[in-house]
Amino acid sequence: MSQTGRSTQSEQFPGREELRLRVEARIRRLQRHSASSLWFMILFLLISFAAFDQFSILPDLSDSSREILGASPPVELIALALVIYAFSGIVRTLASMSRNYKPHTGLVHVAFFTGFYSFYHLAGALQDNFWAIFFAGISVMGLENYYLWSYSNEAIRNERALLNSMGRVGDAGQK
């Protein structure tokens, strides 16, 4: 009897099963997207641990490599660039939050903060400026991660409501 009800329901709504599968796939994609941001935060923390130890896990640059790279920028300019990047990262995230734009995962932030660690290291001033980079990175990436988490949770809630309105919650809706 339940099979008859299902086939009648499927005949009345031919794309219903396909729609349910697409909604469940979107839920899984949102969950993965939210989790990937945490992996980028862990990557940033690992790079920070290496920077705290003056990148001792990496070999020193040879003199010819340093000649190719040239002189490092002045520490004051690196600090100015760090402040501008951190401020603009926070403002961009807050603007995205206010307009409910889709958030980013944070890989670009990891790359930029790694660059700041590298510039300070090459300038010989990493030890004095480590905490500035670390707290700027935690602030920018923490805000971005919070926004991604809240945005994803709201989208997942909406997708689950759609599944519930269809009258059947699938495996993805129960996670």
C-alpha atoms as a PDB file:
ATOM      1  CA  MET A   1       0.000   0.000   0.000  1.00  0.00           C
ATOM      2  CA  SER A   2       2.854   2.354   0.767  1.00  0.00           C
ATOM      3  CA  GLN A   3       4.412   1.525  -2.588  1.00  0.00           C
ATOM      4  CA  THR A   4       1.210   2.526  -4.339  1.00  0.00           C
ATOM      5  CA  GLY A   5       1.215   5.819  -2.453  1.00  0.00           C
ATOM      6  CA  ARG A   6       4.785   6.498  -3.480  1.00  0.00           C
ATOM      7  CA  SER A   7       4.215   5.724  -7.132  1.00  0.00           C
ATOM      8  CA  THR A   8       1.108   7.912  -7.160  1.00  0.00           C
ATOM      9  CA  GLN A   9       3.100  10.686  -5.506  1.00  0.00           C
ATOM     10  CA  SER A  10       5.916  10.243  -8.040  1.00  0.00           C
ATOM     11  CA  GLU A  11       3.458  10.311 -10.906  1.00  0.00           C
ATOM     12  CA  GLN A  12       1.912  13.533  -9.600  1.00  0.00           C
ATOM     13  CA  PHE A  13       5.343  15.158  -9.082  1.00  0.00           C
ATOM     14  CA  PRO A  14       7.727  13.604 -11.624  1.00  0.00           C
ATOM     15  CA  GLY A  15      10.850  15.619 -10.653  1.00  0.00           C
ATOM     16  CA  ARG A  16      10.368  15.308  -6.910  1.00  0.00           C
ATOM     17  CA  GLU A  17      13.018  12.628  -6.309  1.00  0.00           C
ATOM     18  CA  GLU A  18      15.538  14.480  -8.470  1.00  0.00           C
ATOM     19  CA  LEU A  19      14.817  17.691  -6.573  1.00  0.00           C
ATOM     20  CA  ARG A  20      15.248  15.900  -3.238  1.00  0.00           C
ATOM     21  CA  LEU A  21      18.618  14.508  -4.371  1.00  0.00           C
ATOM     22  CA  ARG A  22      19.772  17.963  -5.519  1.00  0.00           C
ATOM     23  CA  VAL A  23      18.756  19.531  -2.202  1.00  0.00           C
ATOM     24  CA  GLU A  24      20.608  16.824  -0.256  1.00  0.00           C
ATOM     25  CA  ALA A  25      23.688  17.376  -2.445  1.00  0.00           C
ATOM     26  CA  ARG A  26      23.544  21.130  -1.713  1.00  0.00           C
ATOM     27  CA  ILE A  27      23.379  20.388   2.022  1.00  0.00           C
ATOM     28  CA  ARG A  28      26.465  18.159   1.811  1.00  0.00           C
ATOM     29  CA  ARG A  29      28.306  20.800  -0.256  1.00  0.00           C
ATOM     30  CA  LEU A  30      27.481  23.499   2.313  1.00  0.00           C
ATOM     31  CA  GLN A  31      28.727  21.265   5.127  1.00  0.00           C
ATOM     32  CA  ARG A  32      32.010  20.564   3.277  1.00  0.00           C
ATOM     33  CA  HIS A  33      32.453  24.250   2.439  1.00  0.00           C
ATOM     34  CA  SER A  34      32.026  25.206   6.083  1.00  0.00           C
ATOM     35  CA  ALA A  35      34.499  22.539   7.220  1.00  0.00           C
ATOM     36  CA  SER A  36      37.116  23.535   4.625  1.00  0.00           C
ATOM     37  CA  SER A  37      37.406  26.934   6.243  1.00  0.00           C
ATOM     38  CA  LEU A  38      38.440  25.279   9.491  1.00  0.00           C
ATOM     39  CA  TRP A  39      41.174  23.402   7.623  1.00  0.00           C
ATOM     40  CA  PHE A  40      42.534  26.720   6.346  1.00  0.00           C
ATOM     41  CA  MET A  41      42.545  28.042   9.923  1.00  0.00           C
ATOM     42  CA  ILE A  42      44.534  24.968  10.990  1.00  0.00           C
ATOM     43  CA  LEU A  43      46.953  25.567   8.104  1.00  0.00           C
ATOM     44  CA  PHE A  44      47.411  29.155   9.286  1.00  0.00           C
ATOM     45  CA  LEU A  45      48.110  27.931  12.823  1.00  0.00           C
ATOM     46  CA  LEU A  46      50.691  25.407  11.557  1.00  0.00           C
ATOM     47  CA  ILE A  47      52.442  28.108   9.537  1.00  0.00           C
ATOM     48  CA  SER A  48      52.320  30.351  12.607  1.00  0.00           C
ATOM     49  CA  PHE A  49      54.001  27.668  14.720  1.00  0.00           C
ATOM     50  CA  ALA A  50      56.745  27.419  12.107  1.00  0.00           C
ATOM     51  CA  ALA A  51      57.101  31.215  12.045  1.00  0.00           C
ATOM     52  CA  PHE A  52      57.261  31.373  15.841  1.00  0.00           C
ATOM     53  CA  ASP A  53      60.286  29.079  15.608  1.00  0.00           C
ATOM     54  CA  GLN A  54      61.845  31.377  12.954  1.00  0.00           C
ATOM     55  CA  PHE A  55      61.092  28.810  10.216  1.00  0.00           C
ATOM     56  CA  SER A  56      63.808  26.523  11.579  1.00  0.00           C
ATOM     57  CA  ILE A  57      62.182  23.570   9.777  1.00  0.00           C
ATOM     58  CA  LEU A  58      63.178  25.156   6.458  1.00  0.00           C
ATOM     59  CA  PRO A  59      66.731  25.464   5.143  1.00  0.00           C
ATOM     60  CA  ASP A  60      68.332  28.913   5.166  1.00  0.00           C
ATOM     61  CA  LEU A  61      68.403  30.870   1.933  1.00  0.00           C
ATOM     62  CA  SER A  62      71.711  30.849   0.130  1.00  0.00           C
ATOM     63  CA  ASP A  63      73.529  34.119  -0.545  1.00  0.00           C
ATOM     64  CA  SER A  64      72.729  33.870  -4.260  1.00  0.00           C
ATOM     65  CA  SER A  65      69.028  33.416  -3.471  1.00  0.00           C
ATOM     66  CA  ARG A  66      69.083  36.487  -1.245  1.00  0.00           C
ATOM     67  CA  GLU A  67      70.783  38.450  -4.057  1.00  0.00           C
ATOM     68  CA  ILE A  68      68.047  37.408  -6.489  1.00  0.00           C
ATOM     69  CA  LEU A  69      65.336  38.451  -4.031  1.00  0.00           C
ATOM     70  CA  GLY A  70      67.028  41.749  -3.318  1.00  0.00           C
ATOM     71  CA  ALA A  71      66.770  43.815  -0.169  1.00  0.00           C
ATOM     72  CA  SER A  72      63.726  43.274   1.997  1.00  0.00           C
ATOM     73  CA  PRO A  73      61.228  46.106   2.275  1.00  0.00           C
ATOM     74  CA  PRO A  74      61.566  48.383   5.297  1.00  0.00           C
ATOM     75  CA  VAL A  75      59.868  47.015   8.407  1.00  0.00           C
ATOM     76  CA  GLU A  76      57.671  50.129   8.625  1.00  0.00           C
ATOM     77  CA  LEU A  77      56.232  49.462   5.151  1.00  0.00           C
ATOM     78  CA  ILE A  78      55.571  45.816   6.002  1.00  0.00           C
ATOM     79  CA  ALA A  79      53.761  46.951   9.162  1.00  0.00           C
ATOM     80  CA  LEU A  80      51.711  49.472   7.188  1.00  0.00           C
ATOM     81  CA  ALA A  81      50.760  46.819   4.625  1.00  0.00           C
ATOM     82  CA  LEU A  82      49.773  44.427   7.449  1.00  0.00           C
ATOM     83  CA  VAL A  83      47.515  47.034   9.069  1.00  0.00           C
ATOM     84  CA  ILE A  84      45.889  47.913   5.741  1.00  0.00           C
ATOM     85  CA  TYR A  85      45.363  44.258   4.826  1.00  0.00           C
ATOM     86  CA  ALA A  86      43.911  43.323   8.227  1.00  0.00           C
ATOM     87  CA  PHE A  87      41.607  46.356   8.275  1.00  0.00           C
ATOM     88  CA  SER A  88      40.406  45.806   4.717  1.00  0.00           C
ATOM     89  CA  GLY A  89      39.880  42.069   5.369  1.00  0.00           C
ATOM     90  CA  ILE A  90      37.678  42.818   8.371  1.00  0.00           C
ATOM     91  CA  VAL A  91      35.757  45.555   6.543  1.00  0.00           C
ATOM     92  CA  ARG A  92      35.232  43.306   3.509  1.00  0.00           C
ATOM     93  CA  THR A  93      33.895  40.504   5.694  1.00  0.00           C
ATOM     94  CA  LEU A  94      31.593  42.869   7.599  1.00  0.00           C
ATOM     95  CA  ALA A  95      30.310  44.289   4.309  1.00  0.00           C
ATOM     96  CA  SER A  96      29.654  40.769   3.020  1.00  0.00           C
ATOM     97  CA  MET A  97      27.804  39.973   6.242  1.00  0.00           C
ATOM     98  CA  SER A  98      25.609  43.048   5.979  1.00  0.00           C
ATOM     99  CA  ARG A  99      24.674  42.246   2.377  1.00  0.00           C
ATOM    100  CA  ASN A 100      24.487  38.482   2.944  1.00  0.00           C
ATOM    101  CA  TYR A 101      26.986  37.716   0.173  1.00  0.00           C
ATOM    102  CA  LYS A 102      28.445  34.241  -0.085  1.00  0.00           C
ATOM    103  CA  PRO A 103      31.560  34.108   2.143  1.00  0.00           C
ATOM    104  CA  HIS A 104      35.015  32.888   1.149  1.00  0.00           C
ATOM    105  CA  THR A 105      36.900  30.041   2.801  1.00  0.00           C
ATOM    106  CA  GLY A 106      40.102  31.872   3.713  1.00  0.00           C
ATOM    107  CA  LEU A 107      42.871  30.339   1.596  1.00  0.00           C
ATOM    108  CA  VAL A 108      43.792  33.792   0.284  1.00  0.00           C
ATOM    109  CA  HIS A 109      44.139  35.046   3.857  1.00  0.00           C
ATOM    110  CA  VAL A 110      46.477  32.159   4.679  1.00  0.00           C
ATOM    111  CA  ALA A 111      48.629  33.062   1.683  1.00  0.00           C
ATOM    112  CA  PHE A 112      48.789  36.759   2.588  1.00  0.00           C
ATOM    113  CA  PHE A 113      49.600  36.197   6.256  1.00  0.00           C
ATOM    114  CA  THR A 114      52.253  33.655   5.236  1.00  0.00           C
ATOM    115  CA  GLY A 115      53.664  36.393   3.030  1.00  0.00           C
ATOM    116  CA  PHE A 116      53.792  38.777   5.979  1.00  0.00           C
ATOM    117  CA  TYR A 117      55.593  36.169   8.073  1.00  0.00           C
ATOM    118  CA  SER A 118      58.055  35.719   5.182  1.00  0.00           C
ATOM    119  CA  PHE A 119      58.680  39.437   4.677  1.00  0.00           C
ATOM    120  CA  TYR A 120      59.334  40.006   8.364  1.00  0.00           C
ATOM    121  CA  HIS A 121      61.570  36.925   8.466  1.00  0.00           C
ATOM    122  CA  LEU A 122      63.635  38.164   5.516  1.00  0.00           C
ATOM    123  CA  ALA A 123      63.841  41.613   7.126  1.00  0.00           C
ATOM    124  CA  GLY A 124      65.112  40.017  10.351  1.00  0.00           C
ATOM    125  CA  ALA A 125      62.192  41.399  12.360  1.00  0.00           C
ATOM    126  CA  LEU A 126      59.885  38.390  12.665  1.00  0.00           C
ATOM    127  CA  GLN A 127      60.500  37.859  16.360  1.00  0.00           C
ATOM    128  CA  ASP A 128      59.456  41.444  17.151  1.00  0.00           C
ATOM    129  CA  ASN A 129      56.377  41.353  14.912  1.00  0.00           C
ATOM    130  CA  PHE A 130      55.146  37.767  15.204  1.00  0.00           C
ATOM    131  CA  TRP A 131      52.247  38.539  17.524  1.00  0.00           C
ATOM    132  CA  ALA A 132      50.986  41.383  15.342  1.00  0.00           C
ATOM    133  CA  ILE A 133      50.705  39.048  12.359  1.00  0.00           C
ATOM    134  CA  PHE A 134      49.273  36.226  14.450  1.00  0.00           C
ATOM    135  CA  PHE A 135      46.502  38.311  16.034  1.00  0.00           C
ATOM    136  CA  ALA A 136      45.701  40.032  12.750  1.00  0.00           C
ATOM    137  CA  GLY A 137      45.384  36.616  11.100  1.00  0.00           C
ATOM    138  CA  ILE A 138      43.266  35.188  13.898  1.00  0.00           C
ATOM    139  CA  SER A 139      41.006  38.257  13.777  1.00  0.00           C
ATOM    140  CA  VAL A 140      40.487  38.307  10.027  1.00  0.00           C
ATOM    141  CA  MET A 141      40.213  34.544   9.590  1.00  0.00           C
ATOM    142  CA  GLY A 142      38.143  34.111  12.752  1.00  0.00           C
ATOM    143  CA  LEU A 143      35.586  36.644  11.551  1.00  0.00           C
ATOM    144  CA  GLU A 144      35.547  35.061   8.094  1.00  0.00           C
ATOM    145  CA  ASN A 145      35.112  31.578   9.621  1.00  0.00           C
ATOM    146  CA  TYR A 146      32.287  32.771  11.866  1.00  0.00           C
ATOM    147  CA  TYR A 147      30.504  34.328   8.901  1.00  0.00           C
ATOM    148  CA  LEU A 148      30.961  31.213   6.778  1.00  0.00           C
ATOM    149  CA  TRP A 149      29.662  29.040   9.623  1.00  0.00           C
ATOM    150  CA  SER A 150      26.576  31.198  10.227  1.00  0.00           C
ATOM    151  CA  TYR A 151      25.887  31.618   6.498  1.00  0.00           C
ATOM    152  CA  SER A 152      26.199  27.856   5.899  1.00  0.00           C
ATOM    153  CA  ASN A 153      24.011  26.978   8.876  1.00  0.00           C
ATOM    154  CA  GLU A 154      21.274  29.329   7.674  1.00  0.00           C
ATOM    155  CA  ALA A 155      21.466  27.897   4.148  1.00  0.00           C
ATOM    156  CA  ILE A 156      21.370  24.328   5.518  1.00  0.00           C
ATOM    157  CA  ARG A 157      18.338  25.234   7.645  1.00  0.00           C
ATOM    158  CA  ASN A 158      16.598  26.579   4.527  1.00  0.00           C
ATOM    159  CA  GLU A 159      17.459  23.458   2.522  1.00  0.00           C
ATOM    160  CA  ARG A 160      16.166  21.199   5.293  1.00  0.00           C
ATOM    161  CA  ALA A 161      12.963  23.232   5.461  1.00  0.00           C
ATOM    162  CA  LEU A 162      12.577  22.620   1.723  1.00  0.00           C
ATOM    163  CA  LEU A 163      13.054  18.888   2.272  1.00  0.00           C
ATOM    164  CA  ASN A 164      10.506  18.947   5.090  1.00  0.00           C
ATOM    165  CA  SER A 165       8.021  20.806   2.920  1.00  0.00           C
ATOM    166  CA  MET A 166       8.396  18.043   0.355  1.00  0.00           C
ATOM    167  CA  GLY A 167       7.176  15.655   3.053  1.00  0.00           C
ATOM    168  CA  ARG A 168      10.293  13.530   3.313  1.00  0.00           C
ATOM    169  CA  VAL A 169      13.624  14.165   5.017  1.00  0.00           C
ATOM    170  CA  GLY A 170      16.532  12.275   3.438  1.00  0.00           C
ATOM    171  CA  ASP A 171      19.835  11.151   4.910  1.00  0.00           C
ATOM    172  CA  ALA A 172      21.466  14.577   4.468  1.00  0.00           C
ATOM    173  CA  GLY A 173      18.647  16.258   6.380  1.00  0.00           C
ATOM    174  CA  GLN A 174      19.228  14.116   9.473  1.00  0.00           C
ATOM    175  CA  LYS A 175      22.922  15.008   9.969  1.00  0.00           C
END
